[in-house]
Amino acid sequence: MSSPWIAGVQVRNLDRGTPVADFLCGACLTHKRVTGRGKVTAFLRDNPVTAHGPHCRPAAKTT
């Protein structure tokens, strides 16, 4: 991708090709990518933001 990543869920290629869903946590920078219509549907049904919450370990801030 040429633009900077924004935390949250992004879904693309729903109308053509293979659907792809990306999840990026803004606190700990965990990234997960799922491809395929069935896997994307299940991934979104499970709500990746809420599911990741209990496992999130925010990165240490450096100043």
PDB file of N, CA and C in Angstrom:
ATOM      1  N   MET A   1       0.839  -1.168   0.000  1.00  0.00           N
ATOM      2  CA  MET A   1       0.000   0.000   0.000  1.00  0.00           C
ATOM      3  C   MET A   1       0.887   1.235   0.000  1.00  0.00           C
ATOM      4  N   SER A   2       0.490   2.221  -0.738  1.00  0.00           N
ATOM      5  CA  SER A   2       1.309   3.415  -0.844  1.00  0.00           C
ATOM      6  C   SER A   2       1.006   4.451   0.237  1.00  0.00           C
ATOM      7  N   SER A   3      -0.166   4.383   0.828  1.00  0.00           N
ATOM      8  CA  SER A   3      -0.515   5.367   1.853  1.00  0.00           C
ATOM      9  C   SER A   3      -0.242   4.796   3.247  1.00  0.00           C
ATOM     10  N   PRO A   4      -0.147   5.673   4.264  1.00  0.00           N
ATOM     11  CA  PRO A   4       0.078   5.177   5.621  1.00  0.00           C
ATOM     12  C   PRO A   4      -1.102   4.345   6.116  1.00  0.00           C
ATOM     13  N   TRP A   5      -0.818   3.410   6.960  1.00  0.00           N
ATOM     14  CA  TRP A   5      -1.870   2.561   7.512  1.00  0.00           C
ATOM     15  C   TRP A   5      -2.603   3.308   8.606  1.00  0.00           C
ATOM     16  N   ILE A   6      -3.896   3.072   8.699  1.00  0.00           N
ATOM     17  CA  ILE A   6      -4.723   3.631   9.753  1.00  0.00           C
ATOM     18  C   ILE A   6      -5.250   2.463  10.574  1.00  0.00           C
ATOM     19  N   ALA A   7      -5.201   2.593  11.883  1.00  0.00           N
ATOM     20  CA  ALA A   7      -5.654   1.511  12.753  1.00  0.00           C
ATOM     21  C   ALA A   7      -7.130   1.216  12.527  1.00  0.00           C
ATOM     22  N   GLY A   8      -7.493  -0.045  12.647  1.00  0.00           N
ATOM     23  CA  GLY A   8      -8.875  -0.481  12.483  1.00  0.00           C
ATOM     24  C   GLY A   8      -8.970  -1.617  11.490  1.00  0.00           C
ATOM     25  N   VAL A   9     -10.136  -1.763  10.880  1.00  0.00           N
ATOM     26  CA  VAL A   9     -10.398  -2.836   9.927  1.00  0.00           C
ATOM     27  C   VAL A   9     -10.602  -2.236   8.549  1.00  0.00           C
ATOM     28  N   GLN A  10      -9.956  -2.833   7.555  1.00  0.00           N
ATOM     29  CA  GLN A  10     -10.135  -2.416   6.169  1.00  0.00           C
ATOM     30  C   GLN A  10     -10.484  -3.656   5.354  1.00  0.00           C
ATOM     31  N   VAL A  11     -11.532  -3.548   4.529  1.00  0.00           N
ATOM     32  CA  VAL A  11     -11.946  -4.644   3.669  1.00  0.00           C
ATOM     33  C   VAL A  11     -11.927  -4.130   2.241  1.00  0.00           C
ATOM     34  N   ARG A  12     -11.350  -4.926   1.331  1.00  0.00           N
ATOM     35  CA  ARG A  12     -11.299  -4.513  -0.072  1.00  0.00           C
ATOM     36  C   ARG A  12     -11.556  -5.702  -0.992  1.00  0.00           C
ATOM     37  N   ASN A  13     -11.800  -5.413  -2.254  1.00  0.00           N
ATOM     38  CA  ASN A  13     -12.059  -6.404  -3.305  1.00  0.00           C
ATOM     39  C   ASN A  13     -13.340  -7.201  -3.065  1.00  0.00           C
ATOM     40  N   LEU A  14     -14.369  -6.555  -2.530  1.00  0.00           N
ATOM     41  CA  LEU A  14     -15.623  -7.267  -2.315  1.00  0.00           C
ATOM     42  C   LEU A  14     -16.366  -7.527  -3.621  1.00  0.00           C
ATOM     43  N   ASP A  15     -16.250  -6.622  -4.589  1.00  0.00           N
ATOM     44  CA  ASP A  15     -16.984  -6.758  -5.841  1.00  0.00           C
ATOM     45  C   ASP A  15     -16.267  -7.599  -6.888  1.00  0.00           C
ATOM     46  N   ARG A  16     -14.948  -7.685  -6.780  1.00  0.00           N
ATOM     47  CA  ARG A  16     -14.184  -8.415  -7.791  1.00  0.00           C
ATOM     48  C   ARG A  16     -12.992  -9.094  -7.126  1.00  0.00           C
ATOM     49  N   GLY A  17     -12.572 -10.175  -7.702  1.00  0.00           N
ATOM     50  CA  GLY A  17     -11.384 -10.849  -7.185  1.00  0.00           C
ATOM     51  C   GLY A  17     -11.601 -11.479  -5.826  1.00  0.00           C
ATOM     52  N   THR A  18     -10.525 -11.668  -5.111  1.00  0.00           N
ATOM     53  CA  THR A  18     -10.549 -12.293  -3.793  1.00  0.00           C
ATOM     54  C   THR A  18     -10.656 -11.228  -2.713  1.00  0.00           C
ATOM     55  N   PRO A  19     -11.693 -11.281  -1.870  1.00  0.00           N
ATOM     56  CA  PRO A  19     -11.812 -10.311  -0.790  1.00  0.00           C
ATOM     57  C   PRO A  19     -10.647 -10.433   0.199  1.00  0.00           C
ATOM     58  N   VAL A  20     -10.216  -9.276   0.717  1.00  0.00           N
ATOM     59  CA  VAL A  20      -9.126  -9.218   1.681  1.00  0.00           C
ATOM     60  C   VAL A  20      -9.559  -8.313   2.822  1.00  0.00           C
ATOM     61  N   ALA A  21      -9.346  -8.781   4.061  1.00  0.00           N
ATOM     62  CA  ALA A  21      -9.638  -7.969   5.247  1.00  0.00           C
ATOM     63  C   ALA A  21      -8.359  -7.838   6.051  1.00  0.00           C
ATOM     64  N   ASP A  22      -8.042  -6.611   6.469  1.00  0.00           N
ATOM     65  CA  ASP A  22      -6.879  -6.343   7.301  1.00  0.00           C
ATOM     66  C   ASP A  22      -7.347  -5.726   8.607  1.00  0.00           C
ATOM     67  N   PHE A  23      -6.695  -6.129   9.702  1.00  0.00           N
ATOM     68  CA  PHE A  23      -6.931  -5.526  11.004  1.00  0.00           C
ATOM     69  C   PHE A  23      -5.590  -5.039  11.536  1.00  0.00           C
ATOM     70  N   LEU A  24      -5.529  -3.782  11.965  1.00  0.00           N
ATOM     71  CA  LEU A  24      -4.326  -3.218  12.562  1.00  0.00           C
ATOM     72  C   LEU A  24      -4.716  -2.560  13.881  1.00  0.00           C
ATOM     73  N   CYS A  25      -4.085  -3.009  14.970  1.00  0.00           N
ATOM     74  CA  CYS A  25      -4.328  -2.423  16.285  1.00  0.00           C
ATOM     75  C   CYS A  25      -3.417  -1.203  16.434  1.00  0.00           C
ATOM     76  N   GLY A  26      -3.993  -0.063  16.750  1.00  0.00           N
ATOM     77  CA  GLY A  26      -3.216   1.160  16.893  1.00  0.00           C
ATOM     78  C   GLY A  26      -2.397   1.213  18.168  1.00  0.00           C
ATOM     79  N   ALA A  27      -2.748   0.407  19.162  1.00  0.00           N
ATOM     80  CA  ALA A  27      -2.025   0.423  20.436  1.00  0.00           C
ATOM     81  C   ALA A  27      -0.797  -0.466  20.424  1.00  0.00           C
ATOM     82  N   CYS A  28      -0.948  -1.708  19.952  1.00  0.00           N
ATOM     83  CA  CYS A  28       0.183  -2.650  20.003  1.00  0.00           C
ATOM     84  C   CYS A  28       0.739  -2.984  18.621  1.00  0.00           C
ATOM     85  N   LEU A  29       0.133  -2.443  17.564  1.00  0.00           N
ATOM     86  CA  LEU A  29       0.567  -2.616  16.177  1.00  0.00           C
ATOM     87  C   LEU A  29       0.483  -4.059  15.697  1.00  0.00           C
ATOM     88  N   THR A  30      -0.420  -4.834  16.258  1.00  0.00           N
ATOM     89  CA  THR A  30      -0.678  -6.185  15.771  1.00  0.00           C
ATOM     90  C   THR A  30      -1.414  -6.093  14.450  1.00  0.00           C
ATOM     91  N   HIS A  31      -1.005  -6.899  13.476  1.00  0.00           N
ATOM     92  CA  HIS A  31      -1.632  -6.905  12.168  1.00  0.00           C
ATOM     93  C   HIS A  31      -2.109  -8.311  11.840  1.00  0.00           C
ATOM     94  N   LYS A  32      -3.311  -8.413  11.303  1.00  0.00           N
ATOM     95  CA  LYS A  32      -3.831  -9.694  10.852  1.00  0.00           C
ATOM     96  C   LYS A  32      -4.500  -9.497   9.510  1.00  0.00           C
ATOM     97  N   ARG A  33      -4.217 -10.395   8.551  1.00  0.00           N
ATOM     98  CA  ARG A  33      -4.805 -10.335   7.212  1.00  0.00           C
ATOM     99  C   ARG A  33      -5.510 -11.651   6.935  1.00  0.00           C
ATOM    100  N   VAL A  34      -6.723 -11.547   6.369  1.00  0.00           N
ATOM    101  CA  VAL A  34      -7.518 -12.716   6.015  1.00  0.00           C
ATOM    102  C   VAL A  34      -7.939 -12.558   4.558  1.00  0.00           C
ATOM    103  N   THR A  35      -7.835 -13.641   3.777  1.00  0.00           N
ATOM    104  CA  THR A  35      -8.252 -13.605   2.382  1.00  0.00           C
ATOM    105  C   THR A  35      -9.259 -14.709   2.105  1.00  0.00           C
ATOM    106  N   GLY A  36     -10.135 -14.455   1.154  1.00  0.00           N
ATOM    107  CA  GLY A  36     -11.170 -15.418   0.788  1.00  0.00           C
ATOM    108  C   GLY A  36     -12.516 -14.993   1.354  1.00  0.00           C
ATOM    109  N   ARG A  37     -13.554 -15.155   0.543  1.00  0.00           N
ATOM    110  CA  ARG A  37     -14.880 -14.667   0.936  1.00  0.00           C
ATOM    111  C   ARG A  37     -15.366 -15.290   2.239  1.00  0.00           C
ATOM    112  N   GLY A  38     -15.253 -16.591   2.407  1.00  0.00           N
ATOM    113  CA  GLY A  38     -15.718 -17.254   3.618  1.00  0.00           C
ATOM    114  C   GLY A  38     -14.923 -16.830   4.847  1.00  0.00           C
ATOM    115  N   LYS A  39     -13.610 -16.746   4.701  1.00  0.00           N
ATOM    116  CA  LYS A  39     -12.761 -16.362   5.831  1.00  0.00           C
ATOM    117  C   LYS A  39     -12.982 -14.906   6.226  1.00  0.00           C
ATOM    118  N   VAL A  40     -13.168 -14.024   5.240  1.00  0.00           N
ATOM    119  CA  VAL A  40     -13.416 -12.609   5.526  1.00  0.00           C
ATOM    120  C   VAL A  40     -14.758 -12.459   6.240  1.00  0.00           C
ATOM    121  N   THR A  41     -15.772 -13.185   5.774  1.00  0.00           N
ATOM    122  CA  THR A  41     -17.089 -13.125   6.407  1.00  0.00           C
ATOM    123  C   THR A  41     -17.011 -13.570   7.865  1.00  0.00           C
ATOM    124  N   ALA A  42     -16.331 -14.681   8.121  1.00  0.00           N
ATOM    125  CA  ALA A  42     -16.194 -15.185   9.491  1.00  0.00           C
ATOM    126  C   ALA A  42     -15.368 -14.224  10.346  1.00  0.00           C
ATOM    127  N   PHE A  43     -14.318 -13.659   9.777  1.00  0.00           N
ATOM    128  CA  PHE A  43     -13.445 -12.715  10.488  1.00  0.00           C
ATOM    129  C   PHE A  43     -14.234 -11.491  10.936  1.00  0.00           C
ATOM    130  N   LEU A  44     -15.054 -10.946  10.042  1.00  0.00           N
ATOM    131  CA  LEU A  44     -15.846  -9.764  10.376  1.00  0.00           C
ATOM    132  C   LEU A  44     -16.983 -10.106  11.336  1.00  0.00           C
ATOM    133  N   ARG A  45     -17.548 -11.287  11.216  1.00  0.00           N
ATOM    134  CA  ARG A  45     -18.609 -11.717  12.132  1.00  0.00           C
ATOM    135  C   ARG A  45     -18.070 -11.817  13.558  1.00  0.00           C
ATOM    136  N   ASP A  46     -16.814 -12.235  13.710  1.00  0.00           N
ATOM    137  CA  ASP A  46     -16.197 -12.360  15.029  1.00  0.00           C
ATOM    138  C   ASP A  46     -15.769 -11.027  15.625  1.00  0.00           C
ATOM    139  N   ASN A  47     -15.860  -9.936  14.866  1.00  0.00           N
ATOM    140  CA  ASN A  47     -15.506  -8.585  15.298  1.00  0.00           C
ATOM    141  C   ASN A  47     -14.061  -8.535  15.813  1.00  0.00           C
ATOM    142  N   PRO A  48     -13.096  -8.380  14.917  1.00  0.00           N
ATOM    143  CA  PRO A  48     -11.683  -8.447  15.298  1.00  0.00           C
ATOM    144  C   PRO A  48     -11.251  -7.400  16.322  1.00  0.00           C
ATOM    145  N   VAL A  49     -11.862  -6.239  16.334  1.00  0.00           N
ATOM    146  CA  VAL A  49     -11.475  -5.193  17.278  1.00  0.00           C
ATOM    147  C   VAL A  49     -11.822  -5.624  18.697  1.00  0.00           C
ATOM    148  N   THR A  50     -13.031  -6.095  18.915  1.00  0.00           N
ATOM    149  CA  THR A  50     -13.466  -6.535  20.230  1.00  0.00           C
ATOM    150  C   THR A  50     -12.734  -7.808  20.657  1.00  0.00           C
ATOM    151  N   ALA A  51     -12.530  -8.728  19.729  1.00  0.00           N
ATOM    152  CA  ALA A  51     -11.854  -9.984  20.049  1.00  0.00           C
ATOM    153  C   ALA A  51     -10.392  -9.752  20.442  1.00  0.00           C
ATOM    154  N   HIS A  52      -9.756  -8.734  19.882  1.00  0.00           N
ATOM    155  CA  HIS A  52      -8.349  -8.466  20.165  1.00  0.00           C
ATOM    156  C   HIS A  52      -8.156  -7.745  21.499  1.00  0.00           C
ATOM    157  N   GLY A  53      -9.153  -7.028  21.964  1.00  0.00           N
ATOM    158  CA  GLY A  53      -9.051  -6.215  23.180  1.00  0.00           C
ATOM    159  C   GLY A  53      -8.412  -6.891  24.377  1.00  0.00           C
ATOM    160  N   PRO A  54      -8.878  -8.073  24.793  1.00  0.00           N
ATOM    161  CA  PRO A  54      -8.291  -8.718  25.976  1.00  0.00           C
ATOM    162  C   PRO A  54      -6.844  -9.163  25.779  1.00  0.00           C
ATOM    163  N   HIS A  55      -6.412  -9.329  24.534  1.00  0.00           N
ATOM    164  CA  HIS A  55      -5.058  -9.814  24.243  1.00  0.00           C
ATOM    165  C   HIS A  55      -4.085  -8.681  23.930  1.00  0.00           C
ATOM    166  N   CYS A  56      -4.573  -7.461  23.880  1.00  0.00           N
ATOM    167  CA  CYS A  56      -3.750  -6.314  23.470  1.00  0.00           C
ATOM    168  C   CYS A  56      -2.718  -5.964  24.542  1.00  0.00           C
ATOM    169  N   ARG A  57      -1.490  -5.836  24.116  1.00  0.00           N
ATOM    170  CA  ARG A  57      -0.389  -5.398  24.987  1.00  0.00           C
ATOM    171  C   ARG A  57       0.226  -4.167  24.338  1.00  0.00           C
ATOM    172  N   PRO A  58      -0.214  -2.953  24.740  1.00  0.00           N
ATOM    173  CA  PRO A  58       0.274  -1.736  24.120  1.00  0.00           C
ATOM    174  C   PRO A  58       1.794  -1.629  24.168  1.00  0.00           C
ATOM    175  N   ALA A  59       2.335  -1.128  23.091  1.00  0.00           N
ATOM    176  CA  ALA A  59       3.786  -0.927  23.005  1.00  0.00           C
ATOM    177  C   ALA A  59       4.208   0.168  23.968  1.00  0.00           C
ATOM    178  N   ALA A  60       5.396   0.044  24.513  1.00  0.00           N
ATOM    179  CA  ALA A  60       5.924   1.065  25.424  1.00  0.00           C
ATOM    180  C   ALA A  60       6.192   2.347  24.660  1.00  0.00           C
ATOM    181  N   LYS A  61       5.793   3.451  25.232  1.00  0.00           N
ATOM    182  CA  LYS A  61       6.014   4.759  24.595  1.00  0.00           C
ATOM    183  C   LYS A  61       7.405   5.247  24.922  1.00  0.00           C
ATOM    184  N   THR A  62       8.108   5.728  23.911  1.00  0.00           N
ATOM    185  CA  THR A  62       9.427   6.300  24.133  1.00  0.00           C
ATOM    186  C   THR A  62       9.372   7.783  23.844  1.00  0.00           C
ATOM    187  N   THR A  63      10.033   8.564  24.650  1.00  0.00           N
ATOM    188  CA  THR A  63      10.015  10.017  24.441  1.00  0.00           C
ATOM    189  C   THR A  63      11.415  10.528  24.221  1.00  0.00           C
TER     190      THR A  63
END
